[in-house]
Protein backbone atom coordinates (compact mmCIF):
# COMPACT_ATOMS: atom_id res chain seq x y z
CA MET A 1 180.20 -75.95 130.47
CA GLN A 2 178.10 -73.62 128.45
CA GLN A 3 179.78 -70.52 126.93
CA ALA A 4 178.69 -66.92 128.22
CA GLN A 5 177.64 -64.90 124.95
CA THR A 6 178.37 -61.31 124.90
CA THR A 7 176.70 -58.93 122.64
CA LYS A 8 178.75 -55.52 121.63
CA SER A 9 176.90 -52.64 122.43
CA PHE A 10 176.21 -49.62 120.50
CA SER A 11 177.18 -46.43 122.29
CA PRO A 12 175.96 -43.29 120.40
CA PRO A 13 178.63 -40.63 119.64
CA GLU A 14 178.89 -37.74 122.27
CA ASN A 15 179.44 -33.95 121.15
CA PRO A 16 182.55 -32.81 122.83
CA GLY A 17 181.17 -29.38 123.72
CA ALA A 18 183.51 -26.85 125.46
CA SER A 19 186.25 -29.88 125.90
CA ALA A 20 186.79 -29.75 121.82
CA LYS A 21 190.34 -28.82 120.94
CA ASP A 22 190.27 -29.07 116.71
CA ILE A 23 186.48 -28.69 114.64
CA LEU A 24 186.19 -28.85 111.39
CA VAL A 25 183.09 -26.87 109.51
CA LEU A 26 182.33 -27.60 105.67
CA ARG A 27 180.59 -24.71 103.95
CA ARG A 28 181.78 -24.44 100.25
CA GLY A 29 179.25 -22.64 98.45
CA ASP A 30 178.80 -19.02 97.36
CA PHE A 31 179.08 -16.00 99.58
CA ARG A 32 174.92 -16.19 99.58
CA SER A 33 175.29 -19.85 100.99
CA PHE A 34 177.99 -18.42 103.45
CA VAL A 35 175.81 -15.63 105.01
CA LEU A 36 173.11 -17.76 105.95
CA ALA A 37 175.64 -19.99 107.57
CA LEU A 38 176.73 -17.16 110.01
CA GLY A 39 174.01 -18.08 112.80
CA ALA A 40 175.00 -21.38 112.61
CA LEU A 41 178.67 -20.64 112.78
CA GLU A 42 178.51 -18.24 115.89
CA ALA A 43 176.50 -21.15 117.64
CA LEU A 44 179.27 -23.32 117.05
CA ARG A 45 181.80 -20.56 118.25
CA THR A 46 179.94 -20.57 121.33
CA TRP A 47 179.48 -23.85 122.13
CA HIS A 48 183.05 -25.01 121.29
CA VAL A 49 184.57 -21.89 123.03
CA ARG A 50 187.70 -22.99 123.42
CA ALA A 51 188.73 -24.86 119.86
CA ARG A 52 190.43 -24.12 116.87
CA ILE A 53 187.66 -24.25 113.97
CA THR A 54 188.85 -24.39 110.64
CA LEU A 55 186.62 -23.83 107.68
CA VAL A 56 186.79 -25.32 104.30
CA ALA A 57 185.27 -22.86 102.09
CA THR A 58 185.97 -21.57 98.47
CA PRO A 59 188.44 -19.39 96.91
CA ASP A 60 185.46 -16.56 96.42
CA VAL A 61 184.73 -16.52 99.87
CA GLU A 62 187.91 -16.68 101.47
CA PRO A 63 188.78 -13.00 101.88
CA PHE A 64 185.54 -12.48 103.88
CA ALA A 65 185.82 -15.61 105.29
CA LYS A 66 188.98 -15.04 107.23
CA LEU A 67 187.85 -11.70 108.70
CA CYS A 68 184.74 -13.41 110.16
CA PRO A 69 185.56 -13.89 113.86
CA PHE A 70 183.58 -17.25 114.46
CA VAL A 71 186.69 -19.47 112.83
CA ASP A 72 190.01 -19.44 113.16
CA ASP A 73 191.96 -21.30 109.81
CA VAL A 74 189.92 -20.93 106.12
CA VAL A 75 191.02 -23.53 103.87
CA VAL A 76 190.10 -23.40 100.18
CA ASP A 77 192.86 -25.62 98.20
CA LEU A 78 190.46 -28.18 98.40
CA ASP A 79 188.95 -26.56 95.31
CA HIS A 80 192.13 -25.07 93.50
CA ASP A 81 192.34 -26.15 89.92
CA ASP A 82 195.91 -27.65 90.37
CA LYS A 83 195.49 -30.95 91.58
CA THR A 84 198.92 -31.26 93.38
CA ARG A 85 197.79 -28.27 95.81
CA ARG A 86 193.98 -29.86 96.22
CA ALA A 87 195.96 -33.31 97.29
CA ALA A 88 198.14 -31.48 100.02
CA ALA A 89 195.43 -29.72 101.12
CA LEU A 90 193.42 -32.78 101.88
CA THR A 91 196.85 -34.18 103.05
CA ALA A 92 197.13 -31.37 105.54
CA LEU A 93 193.30 -31.90 106.78
CA ARG A 94 193.89 -35.59 107.47
CA ARG A 95 196.84 -35.16 109.65
CA GLN A 96 194.76 -33.04 112.17
CA SER A 97 192.79 -34.96 114.55
CA PHE A 98 189.41 -33.52 114.59
CA ASP A 99 187.20 -33.74 117.86
CA MET A 100 183.87 -33.08 115.45
CA VAL A 101 183.31 -32.26 111.92
CA TYR A 102 180.18 -30.53 110.99
CA ASP A 103 179.08 -30.68 107.16
CA LEU A 104 176.99 -27.86 106.59
CA ASP A 105 176.86 -28.41 102.73
CA GLY A 106 175.18 -32.22 102.55
CA SER A 107 176.89 -32.11 98.86
CA VAL A 108 178.64 -35.00 96.99
CA GLU A 109 181.71 -33.05 97.56
CA SER A 110 181.33 -33.05 101.21
CA GLU A 111 180.37 -36.75 101.34
CA THR A 112 183.56 -37.23 99.29
CA LEU A 113 185.63 -35.05 101.32
CA LEU A 114 184.78 -36.89 104.60
CA ARG A 115 185.56 -40.22 103.16
CA GLY A 116 188.90 -38.92 102.08
CA LEU A 117 189.48 -37.58 106.19
CA LYS A 118 189.95 -41.34 107.03
CA ARG A 119 192.77 -42.36 108.35
CA ARG A 120 194.93 -45.05 106.91
CA PHE A 121 194.33 -46.69 110.21
CA GLY A 122 192.26 -44.50 111.78
CA PRO A 123 187.97 -44.05 112.07
CA VAL A 124 186.02 -42.19 110.05
CA PRO A 125 186.14 -38.65 111.78
CA VAL A 126 182.78 -38.21 114.23
CA ALA A 127 181.03 -35.94 111.54
CA SER A 128 177.42 -34.35 111.60
CA GLY A 129 175.88 -33.73 108.56
CA PRO A 130 172.63 -34.83 105.84
CA THR A 131 174.93 -37.44 104.20
CA ALA A 132 175.65 -41.16 104.96
CA SER A 133 179.04 -40.77 106.44
CA ALA A 134 177.27 -38.62 109.53
CA THR A 135 177.73 -40.36 112.68
CA PHE A 136 175.32 -38.20 114.22
CA SER A 137 171.51 -38.40 113.60
CA PRO A 138 171.43 -37.17 109.81
CA ALA A 139 170.36 -33.92 109.39
CA SER A 140 167.73 -32.79 106.47
CA LYS A 141 168.72 -32.73 103.48
CA PRO A 142 169.40 -29.43 101.45
CA GLY A 143 166.15 -28.10 99.73
CA SER A 144 164.05 -29.90 102.09
CA VAL A 145 163.42 -26.86 104.68
CA SER A 146 164.62 -23.27 104.58
CA GLU A 147 168.30 -23.37 105.05
CA ILE A 148 168.23 -21.68 108.55
CA GLN A 149 165.54 -24.43 109.75
CA ARG A 150 167.83 -26.83 108.33
CA LEU A 151 170.93 -25.86 110.22
CA THR A 152 169.46 -25.20 113.18
CA GLY A 153 168.00 -29.14 113.00
CA GLN A 154 171.06 -30.56 112.43
CA LEU A 155 172.86 -28.42 115.16
CA ILE A 156 170.16 -29.68 117.85
CA LEU A 157 170.95 -33.41 116.44
CA ALA A 158 174.85 -33.07 116.94
CA GLY A 159 173.98 -32.33 120.39
CA VAL A 160 174.93 -28.80 120.22
CA GLU A 161 172.85 -26.54 122.75
CA PHE A 162 171.14 -23.17 122.26
CA THR A 163 167.86 -21.70 123.06
CA LYS A 164 167.92 -19.97 119.35
CA LEU A 165 169.89 -19.86 116.55
CA PRO A 166 172.01 -16.57 117.04
CA SER A 167 170.42 -14.04 114.64
CA PRO A 168 173.75 -13.31 112.34
CA ASN A 169 176.01 -10.06 113.24
CA LEU A 170 177.99 -8.24 111.09
CA ALA A 171 178.96 -5.28 112.66
CA TRP A 172 182.34 -7.10 112.84
CA VAL A 173 182.72 -6.15 109.25
CA ARG A 174 183.21 -2.46 109.66
CA HIS A 175 185.72 -3.08 113.11
CA LYS A 176 187.76 -5.65 111.53
CA LEU A 177 188.20 -3.19 108.30
CA GLY A 178 188.45 -0.23 110.26
CA ASN A 179 185.44 1.79 108.64
CA PRO A 180 187.41 2.75 105.63
CA PRO A 181 185.85 5.25 103.11
CA ARG A 182 185.54 2.15 100.20
CA LEU A 183 182.45 0.99 102.66
CA THR A 184 180.21 4.54 102.14
CA PRO A 185 178.16 4.66 98.83
CA GLU A 186 180.10 7.88 98.26
CA TYR A 187 183.05 5.49 97.03
CA PHE A 188 181.02 4.60 94.22
CA GLY A 189 179.92 7.90 93.16
CA ILE A 190 176.38 7.23 95.10
CA ALA A 191 174.79 10.32 96.61
CA GLY A 192 171.39 10.85 98.60
CA ARG A 193 168.81 7.80 98.28
CA PHE A 194 169.52 4.85 96.70
CA ALA A 195 168.01 1.00 96.35
CA LEU A 196 170.06 -1.96 95.71
CA VAL A 197 168.94 -3.94 92.54
CA CYS A 198 169.78 -7.53 92.64
CA VAL A 199 170.33 -9.34 89.15
CA SER A 200 171.17 -12.75 87.83
CA SER A 201 172.28 -14.56 84.93
CA GLU A 202 170.05 -17.00 82.65
CA ALA A 203 172.32 -19.84 84.73
CA GLN A 204 169.34 -19.26 87.27
CA GLY A 205 166.80 -21.32 85.11
CA GLU A 206 164.01 -19.82 83.27
CA GLU A 207 161.57 -19.48 86.31
CA ARG A 208 164.00 -17.53 88.57
CA TYR A 209 165.49 -15.38 85.78
CA TRP A 210 164.75 -11.56 85.79
CA PRO A 211 165.26 -10.17 82.20
CA GLN A 212 167.05 -7.25 81.34
CA PRO A 213 163.49 -5.49 80.22
CA ALA A 214 161.97 -5.88 83.34
CA VAL A 215 164.64 -5.01 85.41
CA ALA A 216 165.55 -1.76 82.95
CA SER A 217 162.07 -0.69 83.35
CA LEU A 218 162.09 -1.05 87.37
CA CYS A 219 165.51 1.28 87.26
CA LYS A 220 163.52 4.02 85.18
CA THR A 221 160.58 4.19 87.57
CA LEU A 222 163.21 4.28 90.59
CA ALA A 223 165.27 6.73 88.71
CA GLY A 224 162.55 8.95 88.05
CA ALA A 225 161.18 9.33 91.55
CA GLY A 226 165.00 10.62 92.46
CA ILE A 227 166.07 7.18 93.79
CA THR A 228 169.41 5.88 92.57
CA PRO A 229 169.28 1.96 91.27
CA VAL A 230 172.08 0.39 91.86
CA LEU A 231 172.54 -2.82 90.19
CA ILE A 232 174.62 -5.60 91.96
CA GLY A 233 175.04 -9.38 91.67
CA ASP A 234 177.59 -12.15 90.79
CA ARG A 235 180.15 -11.60 87.71
CA GLU A 236 177.81 -13.86 85.42
CA ALA A 237 175.12 -11.41 85.50
CA GLY A 238 177.73 -8.29 83.89
CA SER A 239 176.19 -8.35 80.55
CA LEU A 240 172.43 -7.94 81.73
CA ALA A 241 173.60 -5.13 84.23
CA GLN A 242 175.82 -3.24 81.63
CA SER A 243 172.74 -3.48 78.90
CA VAL A 244 170.60 -2.15 82.24
CA GLU A 245 173.16 0.59 82.92
CA MET A 246 172.88 1.62 78.89
CA SER A 247 169.57 1.80 79.06
CA VAL A 248 169.05 3.95 82.02
CA ARG A 249 171.50 7.07 82.90
CA ASP A 250 171.42 7.07 86.30
CA ALA A 251 171.66 3.26 86.97
CA LYS A 252 174.88 2.52 88.67
CA ASN A 253 176.46 -1.14 88.22
CA LEU A 254 178.63 -2.39 90.54
CA VAL A 255 177.71 -6.31 89.19
CA ALA A 256 181.48 -7.72 90.06
CA ARG A 257 183.28 -4.30 91.35
CA ALA A 258 181.66 -4.22 94.96
CA ASP A 259 183.35 -7.20 97.14
CA HIS A 260 181.54 -9.10 99.69
CA ALA A 261 182.94 -6.50 102.71
CA GLN A 262 181.28 -3.18 100.30
CA THR A 263 178.17 -5.46 99.45
CA VAL A 264 177.34 -5.78 103.72
CA ALA A 265 177.98 -1.89 103.72
CA LEU A 266 175.97 -0.65 100.79
CA SER A 267 173.06 -3.16 101.87
CA GLY A 268 172.77 -1.48 105.26
CA ALA A 269 172.71 1.85 103.69
CA ALA A 270 170.11 1.51 101.02
CA ASP A 271 166.56 2.71 101.22
CA VAL A 272 165.40 -0.55 100.29
CA VAL A 273 167.01 -3.91 98.81
CA ILE A 274 164.94 -5.45 95.41
CA GLY A 275 165.47 -8.51 93.50
CA VAL A 276 165.85 -12.00 93.17
CA ASP A 277 167.17 -14.13 96.29
CA SER A 278 171.12 -13.41 96.75
CA ALA A 279 173.78 -12.60 99.15
CA ALA A 280 172.95 -8.83 99.13
CA LEU A 281 169.22 -9.33 100.16
CA GLN A 282 169.89 -11.47 102.88
CA ILE A 283 172.40 -9.22 104.05
CA ALA A 284 169.94 -6.54 104.15
CA GLY A 285 167.59 -8.77 106.37
CA ILE A 286 170.07 -9.08 108.93
CA VAL A 287 171.41 -5.50 108.95
CA GLY A 288 167.63 -4.35 108.45
CA THR A 289 166.90 -3.03 105.51
CA PRO A 290 163.76 -3.61 103.68
CA CYS A 291 163.50 -6.10 101.04
CA LEU A 292 161.41 -6.62 98.15
CA LEU A 293 161.87 -10.77 97.22
CA VAL A 294 161.11 -11.34 93.74
CA THR A 295 160.70 -14.88 92.81
CA ASP A 296 158.97 -18.10 91.28
CA THR A 297 155.71 -19.06 92.91
CA LYS A 298 156.82 -22.48 93.14
CA THR A 299 160.06 -21.50 95.40
CA ALA A 300 157.62 -19.07 97.46
CA ARG A 301 155.57 -22.04 98.31
CA SER A 302 158.67 -24.17 99.38
CA ALA A 303 161.35 -23.76 101.21
CA ILE A 304 162.23 -20.53 100.54
CA ASP A 305 164.92 -18.53 102.28
CA THR A 306 163.10 -15.45 103.47
CA PRO A 307 165.45 -12.44 105.02
CA TYR A 308 166.24 -12.88 108.61
CA SER A 309 164.67 -9.95 110.94
CA ALA A 310 163.97 -7.12 108.30
CA GLN A 311 160.74 -6.26 106.74
CA PHE A 312 160.09 -7.52 103.49
CA ILE A 313 157.50 -8.82 100.90
CA THR A 314 157.57 -11.45 98.48
CA VAL A 315 156.45 -10.90 95.04
CA HIS A 316 155.89 -14.01 93.36
CA ALA A 317 154.72 -14.97 89.89
CA LYS A 318 155.00 -18.42 87.98
CA LYS A 319 157.92 -17.10 86.24
CA VAL A 320 159.52 -14.27 87.98
CA ALA A 321 159.87 -12.51 84.18
CA ASP A 322 155.90 -12.48 84.69
CA VAL A 323 156.30 -10.27 87.45
CA GLN A 324 155.17 -6.59 86.35
CA SER A 325 157.53 -3.45 87.52
CA SER A 326 154.42 -1.62 88.45
CA THR A 327 153.30 -4.27 90.88
CA LEU A 328 156.97 -3.95 92.41
CA TRP A 329 156.30 -0.22 92.38
CA ARG A 330 153.11 -0.36 93.92
CA MET A 331 154.32 -2.38 96.41
CA LEU A 332 157.08 0.40 97.38
CA THR A 333 154.94 3.23 97.25
CA SER A 334 152.88 1.42 99.93
CA TRP A 335 155.92 0.70 102.18
CA GLU A 336 156.49 3.33 105.06
CA GLN A 337 159.89 1.36 106.10
CA ALA A 338 161.38 1.92 103.02
CA GLY A 339 160.38 5.30 102.90
CA ILE A 340 159.69 5.40 98.95
CA ALA A 341 156.27 7.49 98.88
CA LYS A 342 153.40 8.43 100.95
CA PRO A 343 153.27 5.90 103.98
CA LEU A 344 150.14 3.53 104.47
CA GLU A 345 148.46 3.60 107.92
CA GLU A 346 149.28 -0.07 108.41
CA SER A 347 152.91 -1.23 106.70
CA PRO A 348 152.90 -4.41 105.07
CA SER A 349 155.05 -6.71 106.89
CA ASN A 350 156.61 -9.57 105.83
CA ARG A 351 153.36 -10.96 103.29
CA HIS A 352 153.87 -13.01 100.01
CA ILE A 353 151.67 -11.49 97.15
CA GLY A 354 151.21 -13.45 93.94
CA GLY A 355 151.69 -11.84 90.75
């Protein structure tokens, strides 16, 4: 009698949706990275409406992430200097039975973490992401498309149902903090009209570095027109900002002084936000402040993360250092929404200009 042969069928994973009880999200980048993921986090909060959402983030983002209404817990000790604390954090995560893991980073570190979450006698958690550990169809890798497009595609492949990724909403920041005086420009001694000028360090790379002479030249022009230039950026840009502050009397240096909530408030109150791609510029796009994005041509022609919904102009050259401050000022003075000077008949909306 011939023995019947059976074949093991493969059942594709299913997204638990509203029935999920515990969800883990990995987003371990800087503040800009967190801001770009806000729409995805809100979509996950809506889709897994009854779940407890745990976010793995970096210590720098922790205070702001804890305010976010789209997550319930924030874990940062996986990036702690103390090896014992890192191990304890991983053990605590491994003890939880996550219904779904969303790796929004697609980094080597997140791939290692996903493998580390495997229980000794259990399966690897059901996961969405661009790495080999993804249970669902692998998402696009970081840098292949704009980050918003990438995260949108990833959630669709993971079975998250939405008609459109929510545009990030930052109104909750003031609500959570009670709208204190420290969220006003006056708290920093800023009166009247001002422009946020986003600066960076040389660690950005030669093509994307906006050097001190160019930043100072634009700041002098802004100050001469009665617009206070307010320098903002990461701590690494501190020496550049100090140098600009010394050469431009009316410039305000808030590099490493304004926290993330204050950056949100200042981005909303500014007349315009100018400079290299940063958290402040992306936030300005969310809250509707006009943005002037300065970048290199290679980046401008690839997967550039343009601001969400605000009016913006991208000015680019082979290297950011080649972008002339006179070109930037010409763009500003022709921009009705920024209110810098006499408006044009038609405002230049969302366009790219080569340097």
